[in-house]
Amino acid sequence: MDSFLFWLALLCGSLLIAMPSAADCRMQSTSVSAATARGPCDPDEGPTQAKVAVEGVQSVNCSLAEECFRLGQQYLDNGDSAHLAAQLLEKAVALDPENAEAYKKLSLAYMRNDGTKVGRRSKEEYCRAETACRKAISLAPHDAEAFLLLGTILAGETYNELRYDDSAVEAIKTAIELKPGWADAYCALARACDLLKRYEEAAAAYTEEARLRNEKQFEHGRSSIIIQSEKDHSVVDAFVVAQIYTKLGKYDKALTSLQRAATLSPEDDVIHSWIGRTFLNLGDIESAKREQKLLSELCKSKNEFFIAQCQARAQDLLKAIDQKAK
């Protein structure tokens, strides 16, 4: 991967949102209350209240709930048509209204229905997914995956300014309570906290996620052979933590995160540019100069698509250093 900016599209799990020690983002007991918090999809919100769609149920070619569920899940797992998967799962829950797993998969299908992950959607689209997920939780209140999915949906609503509360954070905390040590859930928690500008909690959640992933790699004897996707994920997380600490003015902590990212991805010019600027924020001009020289050398190895961008970063850093030295 040539540039960190490309990795930024690979944020953890199913979230497409910009954005603890876990002591800063405390695990308060949330139970099922997180699944019943008020929001844009409440019954008294009028015609926008979502119900599981049934328009495609009659045309789906399956007759038993188990068959419809199996086919719907197959479409989801294979990355095929999410729209057809939703229709199959709609029929599955119509035939078996007590199937919590089918409701959960249906919610997931709704969130993938336009071929994207959680991003810009209408209120009705979010409410449809949220309603199905809440139904799954009401039928299986100890399903950690359902709570994480709900938190993802609620975070999407927050991102789209459909809600302004902390329901997403509370739902994800519940998922962690139900499944402790779940790295993906801490990743989602970090992003949900970041959305609410709870930066200290977000940084702490990213840190806990990194610890859990490293621990898992060590347990499986893979500490020296990290799969590329896991490596990319770790780089992204370390960079985002650095951004958060920079916002908070904690440049020493930002530098530590950036240096970890650079260790994992030593040829990423964006990271080295940030390291140089962080040294400047710390008043260490000599270290910033060394980083600028390293960055300039690094640019020479870039291909034609990235060399101009790299050189521009190196030049901007040099100007910043000169200005700081005056």
C-alpha atoms as a PDB file:
ATOM      1  CA  MET A   1       0.000   0.000   0.000  1.00  0.00           C
ATOM      2  CA  ASP A   2       1.728   3.180  -1.151  1.00  0.00           C
ATOM      3  CA  SER A   3      -0.097   5.831   0.800  1.00  0.00           C
ATOM      4  CA  PHE A   4      -1.908   6.026   4.083  1.00  0.00           C
ATOM      5  CA  LEU A   5      -4.685   8.075   2.460  1.00  0.00           C
ATOM      6  CA  PHE A   6      -5.760   4.961   0.591  1.00  0.00           C
ATOM      7  CA  TRP A   7      -5.833   2.946   3.822  1.00  0.00           C
ATOM      8  CA  LEU A   8      -8.180   5.495   5.331  1.00  0.00           C
ATOM      9  CA  ALA A   9     -10.958   3.885   3.299  1.00  0.00           C
ATOM     10  CA  LEU A  10     -10.354   0.591   5.109  1.00  0.00           C
ATOM     11  CA  LEU A  11     -11.560   1.616   8.558  1.00  0.00           C
ATOM     12  CA  CYS A  12     -12.461  -1.224  10.875  1.00  0.00           C
ATOM     13  CA  GLY A  13     -15.465  -3.472  10.694  1.00  0.00           C
ATOM     14  CA  SER A  14     -18.568  -2.190   8.943  1.00  0.00           C
ATOM     15  CA  LEU A  15     -18.138   1.488   9.826  1.00  0.00           C
ATOM     16  CA  LEU A  16     -17.526   4.216   7.265  1.00  0.00           C
ATOM     17  CA  ILE A  17     -17.397   7.003   9.839  1.00  0.00           C
ATOM     18  CA  ALA A  18     -14.500   9.185  10.838  1.00  0.00           C
ATOM     19  CA  MET A  19     -14.428   8.782  13.643  1.00  0.00           C
ATOM     20  CA  PRO A  20     -10.142   3.192  25.981  1.00  0.00           C
ATOM     21  CA  SER A  21      -7.114   2.324  28.981  1.00  0.00           C
ATOM     22  CA  ALA A  22     -10.734   1.224  28.998  1.00  0.00           C
ATOM     23  CA  ALA A  23     -11.033   3.034  32.333  1.00  0.00           C
ATOM     24  CA  ASP A  24     -11.591   6.335  30.498  1.00  0.00           C
ATOM     25  CA  CYS A  25     -14.501   4.934  28.492  1.00  0.00           C
ATOM     26  CA  ARG A  26     -16.044   3.080  31.397  1.00  0.00           C
ATOM     27  CA  MET A  27     -18.193   0.013  30.874  1.00  0.00           C
ATOM     28  CA  GLN A  28     -21.314   1.182  32.600  1.00  0.00           C
ATOM     29  CA  SER A  29     -24.089  -1.376  32.775  1.00  0.00           C
ATOM     30  CA  THR A  30     -26.411  -0.709  29.864  1.00  0.00           C
ATOM     31  CA  SER A  31     -28.358  -3.993  29.551  1.00  0.00           C
ATOM     32  CA  VAL A  32     -31.107  -3.880  26.954  1.00  0.00           C
ATOM     33  CA  SER A  33     -31.816  -0.200  27.651  1.00  0.00           C
ATOM     34  CA  ALA A  34     -29.372   0.711  24.881  1.00  0.00           C
ATOM     35  CA  ALA A  35     -31.684  -1.058  22.467  1.00  0.00           C
ATOM     36  CA  THR A  36     -34.717   0.933  23.583  1.00  0.00           C
ATOM     37  CA  ALA A  37     -33.276   4.464  23.659  1.00  0.00           C
ATOM     38  CA  ARG A  38     -35.385   7.132  21.948  1.00  0.00           C
ATOM     39  CA  GLY A  39     -34.355   8.311  18.523  1.00  0.00           C
ATOM     40  CA  PRO A  40     -35.491   9.161  14.987  1.00  0.00           C
ATOM     41  CA  CYS A  41     -37.191   5.783  14.488  1.00  0.00           C
ATOM     42  CA  ASP A  42     -39.493   5.914  17.533  1.00  0.00           C
ATOM     43  CA  PRO A  43     -43.212   5.145  16.980  1.00  0.00           C
ATOM     44  CA  ASP A  44     -44.286   8.722  17.704  1.00  0.00           C
ATOM     45  CA  GLU A  45     -42.138  10.021  14.888  1.00  0.00           C
ATOM     46  CA  GLY A  46     -45.059   9.479  12.520  1.00  0.00           C
ATOM     47  CA  PRO A  47     -44.881   8.105   8.977  1.00  0.00           C
ATOM     48  CA  THR A  48     -41.108   7.633   9.087  1.00  0.00           C
ATOM     49  CA  GLN A  49     -41.455   4.772  11.560  1.00  0.00           C
ATOM     50  CA  ALA A  50     -39.930   1.768   9.816  1.00  0.00           C
ATOM     51  CA  LYS A  51     -41.392  -1.677   9.591  1.00  0.00           C
ATOM     52  CA  VAL A  52     -39.864  -4.722   7.994  1.00  0.00           C
ATOM     53  CA  ALA A  53     -40.639  -4.475   4.297  1.00  0.00           C
ATOM     54  CA  VAL A  54     -42.910  -7.057   2.748  1.00  0.00           C
ATOM     55  CA  GLU A  55     -43.254  -5.872  -0.841  1.00  0.00           C
ATOM     56  CA  GLY A  56     -40.887  -8.502  -2.192  1.00  0.00           C
ATOM     57  CA  VAL A  57     -42.044 -11.417  -0.061  1.00  0.00           C
ATOM     58  CA  GLN A  58     -44.548 -12.875  -2.519  1.00  0.00           C
ATOM     59  CA  SER A  59     -42.084 -13.028  -5.408  1.00  0.00           C
ATOM     60  CA  VAL A  60     -39.299 -14.813  -3.503  1.00  0.00           C
ATOM     61  CA  ASN A  61     -38.754 -18.378  -4.631  1.00  0.00           C
ATOM     62  CA  CYS A  62     -38.680 -20.244  -1.291  1.00  0.00           C
ATOM     63  CA  SER A  63     -41.460 -21.749   0.763  1.00  0.00           C
ATOM     64  CA  LEU A  64     -39.956 -22.647   4.149  1.00  0.00           C
ATOM     65  CA  ALA A  65     -38.497 -20.218   6.678  1.00  0.00           C
ATOM     66  CA  GLU A  66     -35.300 -22.249   6.986  1.00  0.00           C
ATOM     67  CA  GLU A  67     -34.833 -22.311   3.224  1.00  0.00           C
ATOM     68  CA  CYS A  68     -35.428 -18.575   2.860  1.00  0.00           C
ATOM     69  CA  PHE A  69     -33.002 -17.845   5.702  1.00  0.00           C
ATOM     70  CA  ARG A  70     -30.319 -20.128   4.283  1.00  0.00           C
ATOM     71  CA  LEU A  71     -30.549 -18.586   0.817  1.00  0.00           C
ATOM     72  CA  GLY A  72     -30.602 -15.036   2.184  1.00  0.00           C
ATOM     73  CA  GLN A  73     -27.553 -15.657   4.325  1.00  0.00           C
ATOM     74  CA  GLN A  74     -25.820 -17.277   1.366  1.00  0.00           C
ATOM     75  CA  TYR A  75     -26.336 -14.154  -0.738  1.00  0.00           C
ATOM     76  CA  LEU A  76     -24.918 -12.011   2.071  1.00  0.00           C
ATOM     77  CA  ASP A  77     -21.919 -14.244   2.715  1.00  0.00           C
ATOM     78  CA  ASN A  78     -21.029 -14.404  -0.970  1.00  0.00           C
ATOM     79  CA  GLY A  79     -21.331 -10.662  -1.447  1.00  0.00           C
ATOM     80  CA  ASP A  80     -24.127 -11.128  -3.976  1.00  0.00           C
ATOM     81  CA  SER A  81     -27.232  -8.974  -4.314  1.00  0.00           C
ATOM     82  CA  ALA A  82     -28.048  -7.512  -0.906  1.00  0.00           C
ATOM     83  CA  HIS A  83     -31.461  -6.515  -2.267  1.00  0.00           C
ATOM     84  CA  LEU A  84     -32.347 -10.117  -3.075  1.00  0.00           C
ATOM     85  CA  ALA A  85     -30.876 -11.227   0.266  1.00  0.00           C
ATOM     86  CA  ALA A  86     -33.190  -8.742   1.996  1.00  0.00           C
ATOM     87  CA  GLN A  87     -36.218 -10.096   0.137  1.00  0.00           C
ATOM     88  CA  LEU A  88     -35.351 -13.675   1.104  1.00  0.00           C
ATOM     89  CA  LEU A  89     -34.814 -12.694   4.727  1.00  0.00           C
ATOM     90  CA  GLU A  90     -38.039 -10.675   4.769  1.00  0.00           C
ATOM     91  CA  LYS A  91     -39.887 -13.825   3.788  1.00  0.00           C
ATOM     92  CA  ALA A  92     -37.943 -15.822   6.383  1.00  0.00           C
ATOM     93  CA  VAL A  93     -39.137 -13.551   9.201  1.00  0.00           C
ATOM     94  CA  ALA A  94     -42.654 -13.436   7.750  1.00  0.00           C
ATOM     95  CA  LEU A  95     -42.769 -17.251   7.955  1.00  0.00           C
ATOM     96  CA  ASP A  96     -40.967 -17.385  11.310  1.00  0.00           C
ATOM     97  CA  PRO A  97     -41.416 -14.126  13.292  1.00  0.00           C
ATOM     98  CA  GLU A  98     -39.401 -15.499  16.241  1.00  0.00           C
ATOM     99  CA  ASN A  99     -36.170 -16.029  14.290  1.00  0.00           C
ATOM    100  CA  ALA A 100     -33.767 -13.558  15.889  1.00  0.00           C
ATOM    101  CA  GLU A 101     -30.862 -14.503  13.622  1.00  0.00           C
ATOM    102  CA  ALA A 102     -32.970 -13.844  10.531  1.00  0.00           C
ATOM    103  CA  TYR A 103     -33.873 -10.364  11.786  1.00  0.00           C
ATOM    104  CA  LYS A 104     -30.201  -9.637  12.469  1.00  0.00           C
ATOM    105  CA  LYS A 105     -29.168 -10.737   8.975  1.00  0.00           C
ATOM    106  CA  LEU A 106     -32.062  -8.755   7.525  1.00  0.00           C
ATOM    107  CA  SER A 107     -30.817  -5.623   9.273  1.00  0.00           C
ATOM    108  CA  LEU A 108     -27.364  -6.242   7.823  1.00  0.00           C
ATOM    109  CA  ALA A 109     -28.843  -6.734   4.353  1.00  0.00           C
ATOM    110  CA  TYR A 110     -30.677  -3.416   4.631  1.00  0.00           C
ATOM    111  CA  MET A 111     -27.425  -1.676   5.505  1.00  0.00           C
ATOM    112  CA  ARG A 112     -25.783  -3.177   2.411  1.00  0.00           C
ATOM    113  CA  ASN A 113     -28.758  -2.786   0.160  1.00  0.00           C
ATOM    114  CA  ASP A 114     -27.239  -0.098  -2.063  1.00  0.00           C
ATOM    115  CA  GLY A 115     -23.843  -1.744  -2.264  1.00  0.00           C
ATOM    116  CA  THR A 116     -22.242   0.440   0.398  1.00  0.00           C
ATOM    117  CA  LYS A 117     -21.520   0.304   4.087  1.00  0.00           C
ATOM    118  CA  VAL A 118     -22.718   2.794   6.678  1.00  0.00           C
ATOM    119  CA  GLY A 119     -22.665   6.168   4.978  1.00  0.00           C
ATOM    120  CA  ARG A 120     -25.112   8.730   3.617  1.00  0.00           C
ATOM    121  CA  ARG A 121     -28.609   7.250   3.749  1.00  0.00           C
ATOM    122  CA  SER A 122     -32.139   8.460   4.215  1.00  0.00           C
ATOM    123  CA  LYS A 123     -33.892   8.393   7.567  1.00  0.00           C
ATOM    124  CA  GLU A 124     -36.229   5.695   6.265  1.00  0.00           C
ATOM    125  CA  GLU A 125     -33.329   3.455   5.233  1.00  0.00           C
ATOM    126  CA  TYR A 126     -31.691   3.725   8.632  1.00  0.00           C
ATOM    127  CA  CYS A 127     -34.984   3.151  10.413  1.00  0.00           C
ATOM    128  CA  ARG A 128     -35.657  -0.007   8.449  1.00  0.00           C
ATOM    129  CA  ALA A 129     -32.294  -1.460   9.449  1.00  0.00           C
ATOM    130  CA  GLU A 130     -32.616  -0.246  13.031  1.00  0.00           C
ATOM    131  CA  THR A 131     -36.097  -1.704  13.433  1.00  0.00           C
ATOM    132  CA  ALA A 132     -34.992  -5.143  12.233  1.00  0.00           C
ATOM    133  CA  CYS A 133     -31.947  -5.055  14.519  1.00  0.00           C
ATOM    134  CA  ARG A 134     -33.975  -4.015  17.565  1.00  0.00           C
ATOM    135  CA  LYS A 135     -36.374  -6.859  16.846  1.00  0.00           C
ATOM    136  CA  ALA A 136     -33.439  -9.281  16.799  1.00  0.00           C
ATOM    137  CA  ILE A 137     -32.277  -7.940  20.170  1.00  0.00           C
ATOM    138  CA  SER A 138     -35.741  -8.221  21.683  1.00  0.00           C
ATOM    139  CA  LEU A 139     -35.755 -11.904  20.704  1.00  0.00           C
ATOM    140  CA  ALA A 140     -32.122 -12.563  21.693  1.00  0.00           C
ATOM    141  CA  PRO A 141     -31.086  -9.953  24.295  1.00  0.00           C
ATOM    142  CA  HIS A 142     -27.657 -11.512  24.887  1.00  0.00           C
ATOM    143  CA  ASP A 143     -26.468 -11.453  21.274  1.00  0.00           C
ATOM    144  CA  ALA A 144     -23.284  -9.358  21.246  1.00  0.00           C
ATOM    145  CA  GLU A 145     -23.177  -9.243  17.435  1.00  0.00           C
ATOM    146  CA  ALA A 146     -26.672  -7.751  17.311  1.00  0.00           C
ATOM    147  CA  PHE A 147     -25.692  -4.994  19.746  1.00  0.00           C
ATOM    148  CA  LEU A 148     -22.563  -4.203  17.731  1.00  0.00           C
ATOM    149  CA  LEU A 149     -24.645  -4.022  14.557  1.00  0.00           C
ATOM    150  CA  LEU A 150     -27.139  -1.753  16.330  1.00  0.00           C
ATOM    151  CA  GLY A 151     -24.293   0.486  17.480  1.00  0.00           C
ATOM    152  CA  THR A 152     -23.023   0.677  13.914  1.00  0.00           C
ATOM    153  CA  ILE A 153     -26.458   1.693  12.647  1.00  0.00           C
ATOM    154  CA  LEU A 154     -26.938   4.286  15.387  1.00  0.00           C
ATOM    155  CA  ALA A 155     -23.469   5.679  14.681  1.00  0.00           C
ATOM    156  CA  GLY A 156     -24.515   6.064  11.056  1.00  0.00           C
ATOM    157  CA  GLU A 157     -27.570   8.003  12.207  1.00  0.00           C
ATOM    158  CA  THR A 158     -25.315  10.224  14.311  1.00  0.00           C
ATOM    159  CA  TYR A 159     -23.004  10.747  11.343  1.00  0.00           C
ATOM    160  CA  ASN A 160     -26.004  11.768   9.237  1.00  0.00           C
ATOM    161  CA  GLU A 161     -27.278  14.086  12.004  1.00  0.00           C
ATOM    162  CA  LEU A 162     -30.417  12.033  12.577  1.00  0.00           C
ATOM    163  CA  ARG A 163     -29.637  11.660  16.277  1.00  0.00           C
ATOM    164  CA  TYR A 164     -27.442  13.479  18.780  1.00  0.00           C
ATOM    165  CA  ASP A 165     -27.361  11.164  21.782  1.00  0.00           C
ATOM    166  CA  ASP A 166     -24.875   8.522  22.901  1.00  0.00           C
ATOM    167  CA  SER A 167     -27.027   5.517  21.989  1.00  0.00           C
ATOM    168  CA  ALA A 168     -24.389   4.157  19.599  1.00  0.00           C
ATOM    169  CA  VAL A 169     -21.714   4.209  22.308  1.00  0.00           C
ATOM    170  CA  GLU A 170     -24.022   2.522  24.823  1.00  0.00           C
ATOM    171  CA  ALA A 171     -25.052  -0.213  22.386  1.00  0.00           C
ATOM    172  CA  ILE A 172     -21.419  -0.974  21.570  1.00  0.00           C
ATOM    173  CA  LYS A 173     -20.497  -1.004  25.260  1.00  0.00           C
ATOM    174  CA  THR A 174     -23.217  -3.586  25.771  1.00  0.00           C
ATOM    175  CA  ALA A 175     -21.703  -5.689  22.980  1.00  0.00           C
ATOM    176  CA  ILE A 176     -18.365  -5.549  24.796  1.00  0.00           C
ATOM    177  CA  GLU A 177     -19.985  -6.494  28.100  1.00  0.00           C
ATOM    178  CA  LEU A 178     -21.515  -9.507  26.404  1.00  0.00           C
ATOM    179  CA  LYS A 179     -18.292 -10.404  24.583  1.00  0.00           C
ATOM    180  CA  PRO A 180     -15.262  -9.060  26.486  1.00  0.00           C
ATOM    181  CA  GLY A 181     -11.973  -8.637  24.666  1.00  0.00           C
ATOM    182  CA  TRP A 182     -13.593  -8.096  21.272  1.00  0.00           C
ATOM    183  CA  ALA A 183     -11.197  -5.988  19.202  1.00  0.00           C
ATOM    184  CA  ASP A 184     -13.711  -5.142  16.470  1.00  0.00           C
ATOM    185  CA  ALA A 185     -16.140  -3.800  19.062  1.00  0.00           C
ATOM    186  CA  TYR A 186     -13.451  -1.546  20.561  1.00  0.00           C
ATOM    187  CA  CYS A 187     -12.736  -0.262  17.065  1.00  0.00           C
ATOM    188  CA  ALA A 188     -16.426   0.595  16.618  1.00  0.00           C
ATOM    189  CA  LEU A 189     -16.518   2.139  20.097  1.00  0.00           C
ATOM    190  CA  ALA A 190     -13.559   4.364  19.259  1.00  0.00           C
ATOM    191  CA  ARG A 191     -15.252   5.671  16.132  1.00  0.00           C
ATOM    192  CA  ALA A 192     -18.552   6.235  17.899  1.00  0.00           C
ATOM    193  CA  CYS A 193     -16.789   8.179  20.668  1.00  0.00           C
ATOM    194  CA  ASP A 194     -14.897  10.187  18.055  1.00  0.00           C
ATOM    195  CA  LEU A 195     -18.168  11.142  16.348  1.00  0.00           C
ATOM    196  CA  LEU A 196     -19.354  12.607  19.649  1.00  0.00           C
ATOM    197  CA  LYS A 197     -16.027  14.453  20.084  1.00  0.00           C
ATOM    198  CA  ARG A 198     -15.220  12.332  23.107  1.00  0.00           C
ATOM    199  CA  TYR A 199     -11.624  12.222  21.985  1.00  0.00           C
ATOM    200  CA  GLU A 200      -9.949  10.865  25.122  1.00  0.00           C
ATOM    201  CA  GLU A 201     -12.348   7.928  25.159  1.00  0.00           C
ATOM    202  CA  ALA A 202     -11.849   7.356  21.439  1.00  0.00           C
ATOM    203  CA  ALA A 203      -8.071   7.278  21.797  1.00  0.00           C
ATOM    204  CA  ALA A 204      -8.318   4.910  24.762  1.00  0.00           C
ATOM    205  CA  ALA A 205     -10.597   2.575  22.813  1.00  0.00           C
ATOM    206  CA  TYR A 206      -8.190   2.497  19.865  1.00  0.00           C
ATOM    207  CA  THR A 207      -5.371   1.710  22.285  1.00  0.00           C
ATOM    208  CA  GLU A 208      -7.325  -1.159  23.793  1.00  0.00           C
ATOM    209  CA  GLU A 209      -8.174  -2.471  20.329  1.00  0.00           C
ATOM    210  CA  ALA A 210      -4.477  -2.463  19.371  1.00  0.00           C
ATOM    211  CA  ARG A 211      -3.572  -4.267  22.581  1.00  0.00           C
ATOM    212  CA  LEU A 212      -6.180  -6.960  21.953  1.00  0.00           C
ATOM    213  CA  ARG A 213      -5.098  -7.488  18.338  1.00  0.00           C
ATOM    214  CA  ASN A 214      -1.443  -7.743  19.326  1.00  0.00           C
ATOM    215  CA  GLU A 215      -2.322 -10.169  22.095  1.00  0.00           C
ATOM    216  CA  LYS A 216      -4.293 -12.312  19.685  1.00  0.00           C
ATOM    217  CA  GLN A 217      -1.412 -12.396  17.215  1.00  0.00           C
ATOM    218  CA  PHE A 218       0.987 -13.423  19.955  1.00  0.00           C
ATOM    219  CA  GLU A 219      -1.339 -16.169  21.192  1.00  0.00           C
ATOM    220  CA  HIS A 220      -1.514 -17.632  17.703  1.00  0.00           C
ATOM    221  CA  GLY A 221       2.239 -17.494  17.195  1.00  0.00           C
ATOM    222  CA  ARG A 222       1.972 -14.822  14.502  1.00  0.00           C
ATOM    223  CA  SER A 223       3.732 -11.931  16.206  1.00  0.00           C
ATOM    224  CA  SER A 224       6.423 -11.820  13.485  1.00  0.00           C
ATOM    225  CA  ILE A 225       4.191 -12.637  10.530  1.00  0.00           C
ATOM    226  CA  ILE A 226       1.329 -10.149  10.435  1.00  0.00           C
ATOM    227  CA  ILE A 227      -1.228 -10.489   7.665  1.00  0.00           C
ATOM    228  CA  GLN A 228      -1.174  -7.397   5.482  1.00  0.00           C
ATOM    229  CA  SER A 229      -4.789  -6.436   6.193  1.00  0.00           C
ATOM    230  CA  GLU A 230      -4.135  -6.569   9.943  1.00  0.00           C
ATOM    231  CA  LYS A 231      -1.005  -4.502   9.485  1.00  0.00           C
ATOM    232  CA  ASP A 232      -2.886  -1.903   7.448  1.00  0.00           C
ATOM    233  CA  HIS A 233      -5.586  -1.798  10.108  1.00  0.00           C
ATOM    234  CA  SER A 234      -3.016  -1.206  12.859  1.00  0.00           C
ATOM    235  CA  VAL A 235      -1.427   1.611  10.850  1.00  0.00           C
ATOM    236  CA  VAL A 236      -4.784   3.328  10.363  1.00  0.00           C
ATOM    237  CA  ASP A 237      -5.651   3.064  14.036  1.00  0.00           C
ATOM    238  CA  ALA A 238      -2.268   4.408  15.159  1.00  0.00           C
ATOM    239  CA  PHE A 239      -2.585   7.332  12.753  1.00  0.00           C
ATOM    240  CA  VAL A 240      -6.108   8.205  13.886  1.00  0.00           C
ATOM    241  CA  VAL A 241      -5.008   8.062  17.539  1.00  0.00           C
ATOM    242  CA  ALA A 242      -2.223  10.492  16.646  1.00  0.00           C
ATOM    243  CA  GLN A 243      -4.765  12.836  15.046  1.00  0.00           C
ATOM    244  CA  ILE A 244      -6.893  12.715  18.178  1.00  0.00           C
ATOM    245  CA  TYR A 245      -3.963  13.484  20.476  1.00  0.00           C
ATOM    246  CA  THR A 246      -2.943  16.314  18.161  1.00  0.00           C
ATOM    247  CA  LYS A 247      -6.427  17.830  18.525  1.00  0.00           C
ATOM    248  CA  LEU A 248      -5.993  17.599  22.292  1.00  0.00           C
ATOM    249  CA  GLY A 249      -2.539  19.181  22.167  1.00  0.00           C
ATOM    250  CA  LYS A 250      -0.889  16.051  23.562  1.00  0.00           C
ATOM    251  CA  TYR A 251       1.927  15.991  21.058  1.00  0.00           C
ATOM    252  CA  ASP A 252       4.132  13.539  22.939  1.00  0.00           C
ATOM    253  CA  LYS A 253       1.395  10.906  22.796  1.00  0.00           C
ATOM    254  CA  ALA A 254       0.700  11.786  19.163  1.00  0.00           C
ATOM    255  CA  LEU A 255       4.371  11.233  18.365  1.00  0.00           C
ATOM    256  CA  THR A 256       4.363   7.814  20.027  1.00  0.00           C
ATOM    257  CA  SER A 257       1.398   6.717  17.897  1.00  0.00           C
ATOM    258  CA  LEU A 258       2.945   8.109  14.718  1.00  0.00           C
ATOM    259  CA  GLN A 259       6.230   6.347  15.362  1.00  0.00           C
ATOM    260  CA  ARG A 260       4.356   3.080  15.835  1.00  0.00           C
ATOM    261  CA  ALA A 261       2.607   3.665  12.503  1.00  0.00           C
ATOM    262  CA  ALA A 262       5.949   4.421  10.839  1.00  0.00           C
ATOM    263  CA  THR A 263       7.437   1.217  12.222  1.00  0.00           C
ATOM    264  CA  LEU A 264       4.626  -0.760  10.610  1.00  0.00           C
ATOM    265  CA  SER A 265       4.672   1.256   7.380  1.00  0.00           C
ATOM    266  CA  PRO A 266       8.117   2.854   7.017  1.00  0.00           C
ATOM    267  CA  GLU A 267       7.562   4.081   3.447  1.00  0.00           C
ATOM    268  CA  ASP A 268       4.370   6.064   4.083  1.00  0.00           C
ATOM    269  CA  ASP A 269       5.158   9.713   3.368  1.00  0.00           C
ATOM    270  CA  VAL A 270       1.981  11.031   5.011  1.00  0.00           C
ATOM    271  CA  ILE A 271       3.010   9.512   8.325  1.00  0.00           C
ATOM    272  CA  HIS A 272       6.556  10.915   8.108  1.00  0.00           C
ATOM    273  CA  SER A 273       5.173  14.335   7.268  1.00  0.00           C
ATOM    274  CA  TRP A 274       3.024  14.222  10.409  1.00  0.00           C
ATOM    275  CA  ILE A 275       5.983  13.066  12.486  1.00  0.00           C
ATOM    276  CA  GLY A 276       7.997  16.073  11.323  1.00  0.00           C
ATOM    277  CA  ARG A 277       5.208  18.485  12.171  1.00  0.00           C
ATOM    278  CA  THR A 278       4.706  16.830  15.549  1.00  0.00           C
ATOM    279  CA  PHE A 279       8.386  17.352  16.351  1.00  0.00           C
ATOM    280  CA  LEU A 280       7.848  21.020  15.496  1.00  0.00           C
ATOM    281  CA  ASN A 281       4.857  21.168  17.854  1.00  0.00           C
ATOM    282  CA  LEU A 282       7.141  19.767  20.544  1.00  0.00           C
ATOM    283  CA  GLY A 283       9.756  22.417  19.777  1.00  0.00           C
ATOM    284  CA  ASP A 284      12.300  19.858  18.538  1.00  0.00           C
ATOM    285  CA  ILE A 285      13.514  21.525  15.352  1.00  0.00           C
ATOM    286  CA  GLU A 286      16.546  19.284  14.853  1.00  0.00           C
ATOM    287  CA  SER A 287      14.430  16.109  14.931  1.00  0.00           C
ATOM    288  CA  ALA A 288      11.975  17.752  12.508  1.00  0.00           C
ATOM    289  CA  LYS A 289      14.882  18.476  10.140  1.00  0.00           C
ATOM    290  CA  ARG A 290      16.009  14.847  10.271  1.00  0.00           C
ATOM    291  CA  GLU A 291      12.493  13.707   9.525  1.00  0.00           C
ATOM    292  CA  GLN A 292      12.259  16.123   6.602  1.00  0.00           C
ATOM    293  CA  LYS A 293      15.481  14.751   5.111  1.00  0.00           C
ATOM    294  CA  LEU A 294      14.194  11.203   5.542  1.00  0.00           C
ATOM    295  CA  LEU A 295      10.957  12.220   3.837  1.00  0.00           C
ATOM    296  CA  SER A 296      12.809  13.827   0.927  1.00  0.00           C
ATOM    297  CA  GLU A 297      14.842  10.646   0.394  1.00  0.00           C
ATOM    298  CA  LEU A 298      11.698   8.577   0.621  1.00  0.00           C
ATOM    299  CA  CYS A 299      10.081  10.599  -2.172  1.00  0.00           C
ATOM    300  CA  LYS A 300      12.793   9.489  -4.590  1.00  0.00           C
ATOM    301  CA  SER A 301      11.516   5.909  -4.396  1.00  0.00           C
ATOM    302  CA  LYS A 302       7.900   6.808  -5.123  1.00  0.00           C
ATOM    303  CA  ASN A 303       6.317   5.939  -8.435  1.00  0.00           C
ATOM    304  CA  GLU A 304       5.047   8.540 -10.875  1.00  0.00           C
ATOM    305  CA  PHE A 305       1.568   8.606  -9.341  1.00  0.00           C
ATOM    306  CA  PHE A 306       2.747   9.571  -5.824  1.00  0.00           C
ATOM    307  CA  ILE A 307       6.078  11.361  -6.227  1.00  0.00           C
ATOM    308  CA  ALA A 308       4.609  14.844  -6.761  1.00  0.00           C
ATOM    309  CA  GLN A 309       2.398  14.541  -3.676  1.00  0.00           C
ATOM    310  CA  CYS A 310       5.308  13.285  -1.609  1.00  0.00           C
ATOM    311  CA  GLN A 311       7.603  16.072  -2.744  1.00  0.00           C
ATOM    312  CA  ALA A 312       4.914  18.643  -1.936  1.00  0.00           C
ATOM    313  CA  ARG A 313       4.666  17.301   1.605  1.00  0.00           C
ATOM    314  CA  ALA A 314       8.441  17.391   2.003  1.00  0.00           C
ATOM    315  CA  GLN A 315       8.556  20.986   0.752  1.00  0.00           C
ATOM    316  CA  ASP A 316       5.695  22.080   3.027  1.00  0.00           C
ATOM    317  CA  LEU A 317       7.450  20.518   6.009  1.00  0.00           C
ATOM    318  CA  LEU A 318      10.695  22.311   5.111  1.00  0.00           C
ATOM    319  CA  LYS A 319       8.856  25.658   4.947  1.00  0.00           C
ATOM    320  CA  ALA A 320       7.280  24.980   8.341  1.00  0.00           C
ATOM    321  CA  ILE A 321      10.694  24.176   9.802  1.00  0.00           C
ATOM    322  CA  ASP A 322      12.230  27.376   8.381  1.00  0.00           C
ATOM    323  CA  GLN A 323       9.391  29.440   9.782  1.00  0.00           C
ATOM    324  CA  LYS A 324       9.683  27.802  13.193  1.00  0.00           C
ATOM    325  CA  ALA A 325      13.436  28.408  13.260  1.00  0.00           C
ATOM    326  CA  LYS A 326      13.067  32.185  12.696  1.00  0.00           C
END
